[in-house]
Each structure stands twice: as structure tokens, then as C-alpha cells.
Protein backbone atom coordinates (compact mmCIF):
# COMPACT_ATOMS: atom_id res chain seq x y z
CA MET A 1 0.00 0.00 0.00
CA PRO A 2 1.56 3.35 -1.01
CA LYS A 3 2.29 5.81 1.83
CA SER A 4 0.42 9.05 1.25
CA ASN A 5 2.92 11.05 3.32
CA TYR A 6 6.08 9.50 1.90
CA SER A 7 8.15 12.33 0.46
CA VAL A 8 11.61 13.86 0.18
CA GLY A 9 10.45 16.97 2.00
CA ASP A 10 11.81 19.39 -0.59
CA PRO A 11 9.41 21.18 -2.97
CA LYS A 12 11.97 21.31 -5.80
CA ALA A 13 12.67 17.59 -5.55
CA GLU A 14 8.95 16.77 -5.28
CA LYS A 15 8.26 18.67 -8.50
CA MET A 16 11.04 16.86 -10.38
CA ILE A 17 9.74 13.51 -9.12
CA GLN A 18 6.19 14.34 -10.19
CA ASP A 19 7.48 15.45 -13.60
CA LEU A 20 9.15 12.07 -14.03
CA VAL A 21 5.97 10.27 -12.96
CA ASP A 22 4.02 12.27 -15.57
CA PHE A 23 6.72 11.56 -18.16
CA CYS A 24 6.28 7.81 -17.65
CA GLY A 25 2.59 8.13 -18.52
CA ASN A 26 1.80 4.95 -16.60
CA ASP A 27 -1.78 5.05 -15.33
CA ALA A 28 -1.59 1.60 -13.69
CA ALA A 29 0.58 2.58 -10.72
CA PRO A 30 1.60 6.26 -10.70
CA ASP A 31 1.58 6.28 -6.89
CA LEU A 32 4.06 3.39 -6.70
CA ILE A 33 6.31 4.90 -9.37
CA LYS A 34 6.37 8.06 -7.29
CA GLU A 35 7.39 6.10 -4.20
CA ILE A 36 10.18 4.29 -6.08
CA LEU A 37 11.57 7.58 -7.37
CA THR A 38 11.23 9.13 -3.93
CA THR A 39 13.23 6.27 -2.40
CA VAL A 40 16.00 6.76 -4.96
CA VAL A 41 16.21 10.49 -4.23
CA LYS A 42 16.13 9.91 -0.46
CA MET A 43 19.00 7.42 -0.79
CA GLY A 44 20.95 9.92 -2.89
CA LEU A 45 20.50 12.60 -0.25
CA GLU A 46 21.12 10.43 2.81
CA HIS A 47 23.64 7.80 1.82
CA LYS A 48 27.29 7.74 0.73
CA ASP A 49 28.15 4.03 0.53
CA ARG A 50 28.84 3.19 -3.13
CA GLY A 51 28.50 -0.54 -2.50
CA ASP A 52 24.93 -0.10 -1.28
CA PHE A 53 24.10 1.89 -4.41
CA LYS A 54 25.57 -0.86 -6.59
CA LEU A 55 23.46 -3.47 -4.84
CA THR A 56 20.29 -1.40 -5.19
CA ASN A 57 21.02 -0.57 -8.81
CA ASN A 58 21.78 -4.16 -9.85
CA THR A 59 18.75 -5.47 -7.98
CA LEU A 60 16.36 -3.08 -9.68
CA LYS A 61 17.85 -3.76 -13.11
CA GLU A 62 17.64 -7.53 -12.66
CA LEU A 63 14.02 -7.35 -11.55
CA ARG A 64 13.03 -4.96 -14.35
CA HIS A 65 14.52 -7.23 -17.00
CA ALA A 66 12.95 -10.38 -15.54
CA PHE A 67 9.52 -8.74 -15.29
CA ARG A 68 9.82 -7.73 -18.95
CA VAL A 69 10.74 -11.28 -20.03
CA PHE A 70 7.90 -12.95 -18.12
CA LEU A 71 5.18 -10.36 -18.81
CA PRO A 72 3.99 -11.77 -22.18
CA TYR A 73 3.55 -15.21 -20.60
CA ARG A 74 1.70 -14.28 -17.40
CA GLU A 75 -1.51 -15.98 -18.53
CA LYS A 76 0.14 -19.43 -18.74
CA ARG A 77 0.79 -21.54 -15.68
CA LYS A 78 4.45 -22.37 -15.08
CA VAL A 79 6.23 -25.07 -13.11
CA VAL A 80 9.72 -24.58 -11.71
CA ILE A 81 11.91 -27.70 -11.69
CA PHE A 82 14.95 -27.93 -9.42
CA GLY A 83 17.60 -30.61 -9.09
CA SER A 84 21.31 -31.28 -9.24
CA ALA A 85 23.39 -29.76 -12.04
CA ARG A 86 25.59 -32.86 -11.72
CA THR A 87 22.94 -35.48 -12.52
CA PRO A 88 24.21 -37.46 -15.56
CA GLU A 89 22.00 -38.33 -18.49
CA SER A 90 22.22 -41.99 -17.46
CA ASP A 91 20.57 -41.27 -14.07
CA PRO A 92 16.87 -42.23 -13.87
CA SER A 93 16.16 -38.81 -12.33
CA TYR A 94 17.37 -37.15 -15.55
CA ARG A 95 14.88 -39.11 -17.65
CA MET A 96 12.08 -38.55 -15.15
CA ALA A 97 12.72 -34.79 -15.15
CA GLN A 98 12.72 -34.72 -18.94
CA ASP A 99 9.51 -36.76 -19.17
CA THR A 100 7.82 -34.65 -16.48
CA ALA A 101 8.62 -31.40 -18.27
CA GLN A 102 7.43 -32.74 -21.60
CA ALA A 103 4.18 -34.04 -20.11
CA LEU A 104 3.53 -30.72 -18.34
CA VAL A 105 4.02 -28.83 -21.61
CA ASP A 106 1.55 -31.20 -23.25
CA LYS A 107 -0.95 -30.08 -20.57
CA GLY A 108 -0.37 -26.41 -21.38
CA HIS A 109 2.26 -25.47 -18.78
CA MET A 110 5.62 -23.80 -19.28
CA ILE A 111 8.82 -24.81 -17.48
CA ILE A 112 11.29 -22.69 -15.47
CA THR A 113 14.74 -23.96 -14.48
CA GLY A 114 18.03 -22.60 -13.19
CA ALA A 115 19.35 -23.05 -16.76
CA GLY A 116 22.28 -25.26 -15.75
CA GLY A 117 23.12 -28.89 -16.49
CA GLY A 118 21.82 -32.14 -15.02
CA VAL A 119 18.18 -32.04 -13.97
CA MET A 120 17.82 -28.46 -15.21
CA GLU A 121 19.08 -29.47 -18.65
CA ALA A 122 16.71 -32.44 -18.68
CA ALA A 123 13.71 -30.24 -17.86
CA ASN A 124 14.55 -27.65 -20.54
CA ARG A 125 15.16 -30.47 -22.98
CA GLY A 126 11.78 -32.02 -22.25
CA ALA A 127 9.95 -28.70 -22.45
CA GLY A 128 11.69 -27.44 -25.59
CA ARG A 129 12.84 -23.87 -26.16
CA GLU A 130 9.41 -22.51 -26.93
CA ASN A 131 8.08 -23.49 -23.51
CA SER A 132 11.24 -22.99 -21.42
CA PHE A 133 12.62 -20.26 -19.20
CA GLY A 134 16.12 -20.26 -17.76
CA ILE A 135 17.11 -18.20 -14.71
CA ASN A 136 20.88 -18.53 -14.64
CA ILE A 137 23.23 -17.35 -11.89
CA LYS A 138 26.58 -15.67 -12.49
CA LEU A 139 29.22 -17.51 -10.47
CA PRO A 140 33.00 -17.07 -10.08
CA LYS A 141 33.25 -20.34 -11.99
CA GLU A 142 30.72 -19.47 -14.68
CA GLN A 143 27.65 -21.72 -14.87
CA ARG A 144 27.03 -21.95 -18.58
CA ALA A 145 23.45 -22.28 -19.69
CA ASN A 146 22.51 -25.67 -21.09
CA LEU A 147 22.15 -26.09 -24.85
CA HIS A 148 18.35 -26.28 -24.66
CA ILE A 149 17.97 -22.70 -23.38
CA GLU A 150 21.30 -21.06 -24.30
CA GLY A 151 20.82 -18.03 -26.55
CA ASP A 152 17.05 -17.94 -26.01
CA SER A 153 15.32 -14.63 -25.26
CA LYS A 154 13.75 -16.29 -22.18
CA LEU A 155 17.17 -16.94 -20.62
CA MET A 156 18.01 -14.46 -17.84
CA GLN A 157 21.34 -13.89 -16.09
CA PHE A 158 21.28 -12.96 -12.40
CA LYS A 159 24.08 -11.67 -10.20
CA TYR A 160 22.21 -12.16 -6.94
CA PHE A 161 20.70 -15.35 -5.59
CA PHE A 162 17.96 -13.46 -3.74
CA THR A 163 16.55 -11.80 -6.88
CA ARG A 164 16.85 -15.07 -8.79
CA LYS A 165 15.03 -16.97 -6.05
CA LEU A 166 12.32 -14.32 -5.94
CA MET A 167 11.61 -14.83 -9.64
CA PHE A 168 11.49 -18.63 -9.27
CA ILE A 169 8.65 -18.24 -6.76
CA LYS A 170 6.88 -15.18 -8.15
CA GLU A 171 6.57 -16.43 -11.71
CA SER A 172 5.69 -20.08 -11.05
CA ASP A 173 2.59 -21.94 -9.93
CA ALA A 174 4.14 -25.23 -8.79
CA THR A 175 7.51 -26.53 -7.62
CA ILE A 176 9.12 -29.89 -8.39
CA LEU A 177 12.33 -30.83 -6.59
CA PHE A 178 14.49 -33.71 -7.80
CA PRO A 179 17.47 -34.97 -5.76
CA GLY A 180 20.28 -32.46 -5.58
CA GLY A 181 22.88 -30.73 -3.45
CA PHE A 182 22.90 -27.64 -1.28
CA GLY A 183 21.34 -25.44 -3.97
CA THR A 184 18.39 -27.78 -4.47
CA LEU A 185 17.85 -28.11 -0.74
CA ASP A 186 18.06 -24.33 -0.35
CA GLU A 187 15.31 -23.86 -2.92
CA GLY A 188 13.22 -26.62 -1.39
CA PHE A 189 13.38 -25.31 2.16
CA GLU A 190 12.69 -21.77 0.97
CA ASN A 191 9.58 -22.96 -0.87
CA LEU A 192 8.37 -24.76 2.24
CA THR A 193 9.14 -21.79 4.51
CA LEU A 194 7.41 -19.28 2.24
CA PHE A 195 4.30 -21.45 2.01
CA GLN A 196 4.35 -22.23 5.74
CA THR A 197 4.47 -18.51 6.60
CA GLY A 198 2.09 -17.29 3.90
CA LYS A 199 4.77 -15.40 1.97
CA CYS A 200 3.86 -17.12 -1.28
CA MET A 201 0.59 -18.22 -2.81
CA PRO A 202 -0.61 -21.81 -2.24
CA ARG A 203 1.10 -24.20 -4.65
CA PRO A 204 1.96 -27.86 -5.16
CA ILE A 205 5.44 -28.62 -3.81
CA LEU A 206 6.50 -32.03 -5.11
CA LEU A 207 9.52 -34.04 -3.99
CA ALA A 208 10.28 -36.17 -7.03
CA GLU A 209 12.48 -39.21 -7.53
CA PRO A 210 12.14 -42.50 -9.45
CA GLU A 211 10.50 -45.53 -7.91
CA ASN A 212 12.48 -47.11 -5.04
CA GLY A 213 14.48 -43.91 -4.56
CA THR A 214 15.59 -43.12 -1.02
CA TYR A 215 16.63 -39.45 -1.25
CA TRP A 216 13.39 -37.73 -0.28
CA GLU A 217 12.09 -40.62 1.81
CA SER A 218 15.12 -40.22 4.09
CA PHE A 219 14.48 -36.48 4.43
CA VAL A 220 10.85 -37.08 5.35
CA ARG A 221 11.95 -39.56 8.01
CA GLN A 222 14.23 -36.87 9.40
CA PHE A 223 11.33 -34.41 9.38
CA GLU A 224 9.22 -36.85 11.37
CA GLU A 225 11.88 -38.19 13.76
CA GLU A 226 13.74 -34.95 14.47
CA LEU A 227 11.66 -31.90 13.54
CA LEU A 228 8.13 -33.11 14.23
CA SER A 229 8.96 -35.12 17.36
CA ARG A 230 10.76 -32.11 18.89
CA GLY A 231 7.93 -29.71 18.05
CA TYR A 232 10.00 -27.68 15.58
CA ILE A 233 7.25 -28.17 13.00
CA SER A 234 3.64 -29.29 13.35
CA SER A 235 1.89 -32.25 11.77
CA ILE A 236 -0.02 -29.72 9.64
CA ASP A 237 3.26 -28.65 8.02
CA MET A 238 3.68 -32.14 6.59
CA ASN A 239 0.74 -31.28 4.30
CA LEU A 240 2.82 -28.64 2.49
CA PHE A 241 4.57 -31.18 0.22
CA HIS A 242 3.96 -34.46 -1.54
CA ILE A 243 6.34 -37.20 -2.76
CA VAL A 244 5.94 -38.48 -6.33
CA HIS A 245 7.75 -41.35 -8.06
CA SER A 246 6.86 -40.89 -11.72
CA ALA A 247 6.29 -38.19 -14.31
CA GLU A 248 2.66 -39.25 -14.56
CA GLU A 249 2.13 -38.88 -10.81
CA ALA A 250 3.78 -35.45 -10.76
CA VAL A 251 1.69 -34.13 -13.64
CA GLN A 252 -1.53 -35.57 -12.22
CA HIS A 253 -0.93 -33.94 -8.84
CA ILE A 254 -0.43 -30.51 -10.41
CA GLU A 255 -3.44 -30.95 -12.68
CA ASP A 256 -5.54 -31.99 -9.69
CA TYR A 257 -4.37 -28.98 -7.67
CA TYR A 258 -5.66 -26.60 -10.30
CA ARG A 259 -8.71 -28.64 -11.27
CA TYR A 260 -11.03 -26.04 -9.73
CA TYR A 261 -8.78 -23.88 -7.55
CA HIS A 262 -7.61 -20.80 -9.45
CA SER A 263 -5.90 -18.26 -7.19
CA LEU A 264 -5.83 -16.51 -3.83
CA ARG A 265 -6.17 -12.83 -2.93
CA TYR A 266 -6.19 -10.97 0.39
CA VAL A 267 -8.69 -8.10 0.65
CA ASN A 268 -8.40 -6.29 3.98
CA GLU A 269 -9.25 -8.87 6.66
CA PHE A 270 -10.67 -11.36 4.15
CA THR A 271 -8.97 -14.22 2.35
CA VAL A 272 -10.48 -14.85 -1.06
CA LEU A 273 -10.07 -18.15 -2.88
CA ARG A 274 -11.12 -18.11 -6.51
CA PHE A 275 -12.43 -21.20 -8.26
CA THR A 276 -13.46 -22.07 -11.80
CA ARG A 277 -16.67 -23.69 -10.54
CA ALA A 278 -19.15 -22.44 -7.96
CA LEU A 279 -19.04 -24.11 -4.56
CA THR A 280 -22.15 -26.12 -3.76
CA PRO A 281 -24.12 -25.78 -0.52
CA ALA A 282 -22.93 -29.26 0.48
CA VAL A 283 -19.29 -28.26 0.06
CA LEU A 284 -19.84 -25.08 2.08
CA ASP A 285 -21.52 -27.05 4.87
CA TYR A 286 -18.58 -29.43 5.00
CA LEU A 287 -16.01 -26.62 5.10
CA ASN A 288 -17.88 -24.84 7.90
CA HIS A 289 -17.92 -28.06 9.88
CA GLU A 290 -14.45 -29.48 9.19
CA PHE A 291 -12.24 -26.41 8.69
CA GLN A 292 -13.55 -23.98 11.32
CA ASP A 293 -10.18 -24.28 13.06
CA ILE A 294 -8.46 -22.08 10.43
CA LEU A 295 -10.92 -19.19 10.88
CA CYS A 296 -10.39 -16.17 13.11
CA THR A 297 -14.12 -15.55 13.20
CA GLY A 298 -17.22 -16.07 11.09
CA ASN A 299 -17.86 -18.73 8.47
CA PHE A 300 -16.88 -19.73 4.96
CA GLN A 301 -19.13 -17.94 2.47
CA ALA A 302 -19.60 -18.19 -1.28
CA SER A 303 -19.23 -14.82 -2.99
CA ASP A 304 -18.89 -12.96 -6.23
CA ALA A 305 -15.83 -10.76 -6.83
CA LEU A 306 -15.28 -8.20 -4.09
CA GLU A 307 -15.24 -4.52 -4.96
CA ALA A 308 -11.45 -4.27 -4.58
CA GLU A 309 -11.08 -7.08 -7.13
CA LYS A 310 -13.58 -5.54 -9.53
CA ALA A 311 -11.68 -2.24 -9.39
CA HIS A 312 -8.67 -3.98 -10.94
CA ASN A 313 -10.66 -6.37 -13.14
CA GLU A 314 -9.25 -9.39 -11.31
CA PHE A 315 -11.07 -12.39 -12.77
CA PRO A 316 -14.49 -10.80 -12.08
CA ASP A 317 -16.48 -13.76 -13.38
CA LEU A 318 -14.95 -16.44 -11.15
CA PRO A 319 -16.88 -17.67 -8.09
CA ARG A 320 -15.23 -17.08 -4.70
CA LEU A 321 -14.87 -18.55 -1.25
CA VAL A 322 -14.46 -15.72 1.28
CA PHE A 323 -13.40 -16.16 4.91
CA GLN A 324 -11.28 -14.67 7.68
CA PHE A 325 -8.25 -16.96 7.72
CA ASN A 326 -6.00 -17.08 10.77
CA LYS A 327 -2.96 -16.77 8.45
CA GLN A 328 -1.18 -19.42 10.43
CA ASP A 329 -2.37 -22.89 9.44
CA TYR A 330 -1.25 -22.93 5.82
CA GLY A 331 -0.90 -26.70 5.85
CA ARG A 332 -4.60 -26.92 6.69
CA LEU A 333 -5.39 -24.33 4.02
CA ASN A 334 -3.56 -26.51 1.52
CA GLU A 335 -5.48 -29.54 2.76
CA MET A 336 -8.75 -27.64 2.25
CA ILE A 337 -7.85 -26.65 -1.31
CA LEU A 338 -7.05 -30.28 -2.14
CA TRP A 339 -10.32 -31.45 -0.58
CA ILE A 340 -12.36 -28.94 -2.59
CA ASN A 341 -10.67 -30.02 -5.83
CA ARG A 342 -11.49 -33.66 -5.10
CA ASN A 343 -15.08 -33.14 -4.01
CA LEU A 344 -16.47 -30.24 -6.02
CA THR A 345 -18.67 -31.69 -8.76
């Protein structure tokens, strides 16, 4: 929400900022453009550390470029696939990643990877250039983009891990993690943490490995024996992810997740879930009986688009489920979304 009193405090500077806002001619967010420019001027007046300016400058440039690349494809759902850059082509995980990406593209999805070798290469290979994005990272020992995304206009180069990781989450609708090293685990735990704390939208998070694999099963045992038993996580948090052992199972889980569920939006104190089919009275009765524990107050109610959504033309024709969520039990929220998808007919 823009701050109405956020300013440099100098009439001359305020006029120059407003002139730049007018020059942009952007009627979608003139208030936010003004705040961005105000922040830049305030930094220029208050700060002298060149390193901080370099960080801010590079961050803004990386985000601007990535937004521009993804913008034409915002209407298509995308799946981000993570896994080791060292996985050889002979590894069953390589073939499973390739098959999963290809099958997802056949269902209308696009694929995002870290653009490197191994599992990332397999996913870009399965998706093909037309349906691939690559979000590469610049390292001291350069990570070269794989041949299936190299030179493509949808390949992006990032200096910072934090901006790169932001784009992985922001621009995707589902996450698939194949076995990998520290980088894969970093992405996996960040996905789980962001979902657990409500800092990303609900999404399928799939831990994928071929049949009889032990990689993710051993991690889940650790979750249960060490984290859950000590109270570091709750049993509800175990609902944030799902293990799959085949490309078919991975694709089916993602398709099922978005069978009727469309998206989530917060409007003041209300949480709004949008669906592609209206919720029946029987479904509402069940939710109000079985999922009351995730409400702060009130009940689950079917609704049309709220006024704040209509003002921005946010899917005005989709039916809604509106409620006052406690913004704590995201595992239960995920469980509820899955239940609705299975039972709404």
C-alpha cells in the first residue's frame, strides 16, 4: 500500500519527481512509481556508501529485466523444476525430469529452471525452447546455460541469488524438486518456509524421484523423527509437500491442484479463494464443519468478486470462497484446497 505522506520533504525535488511520474505516462501505478523515485532520491541525499548503491542498482535492473521477459507469458501456468546440475543423463532422475517437463508442456504449462546442467538441462530439454525459461546465476566459476535454453530470449542472467530466487517463486505456480545438493535443498526449504508462513501463494510442492528412490524418503523420516517429534514443526506442516515417483504422478498432482482452484487474494481482513466452478451448498456445509479451526471468526461464504477485485478487473467472473483466515495454518489451508478439488462436482 503506497504511503500518502512518503516524500523527500523538498518542494523542488517533489516537483522533479512528479514530472518524471508524468513523463512515464503509466496510469496503472503512478503512486508506486512516485514512491520508487522518492526512495531513490532519499537514498541519494542520505547515503554515501557506493556498495549499497551498486546493490540497489543491480537489484532493480535484474528485476526490471525479468519482469519484462515474463510479462507476455503471465496468462500461462508455469512449473519450476529444481535438481542437481551434476545429474548425468544416465541417471533415472534425468529421464524422469525430462519426461515430467514434456508431459507438463503437453498439458499447457511452461517450465522454469536454473538453466544449468543435469536435472535443469533435462527439464529444458523435455519442455523445448518454446516453452522454457532459464534463470541462470553468475558464479565465479561461470555456470554456462545448457544447450536447450542457451541463446534464447527467455534466458536471464542474475548476479544475486535473492533476486533469482524471488523470480522462481513469483513467476511459477508449482515446484518440483528432484534430488540435488545444497542449492536444491536451499530452494526446497525456501519454498516450504514461504508457504508455511504465507509469503507465497498456495502451490503444489513435489519431492520427485524415481520408484524405489531413497533421497526424499530419508528427508521425510528426518522431518518426522527430528523436527516433528521435537515440536519444531507441526503435523499440519507435513501437508505442504507431496512425494511423487513418476512423471505421470507429478503431472496428475499438479493438474488436480488446479482442477477447480484458481488463485488466492487478500482483501483487507478477508482471504479470497477463486475457483473455476461455484461451490455447492454441500461443500460449504462441510467446510464450515471441518475447517472452522483455520478461521479467526465467522464462516466460509460463497461470494462474487469483491469490490477491490472488480476495481482492478481481477477475474471478475470467477466464483469465490471468502473467509477470515488465521494466516497461520497454511498446511490446513492446503489440505482444504485439495479437498475442494477432489469433491467439487
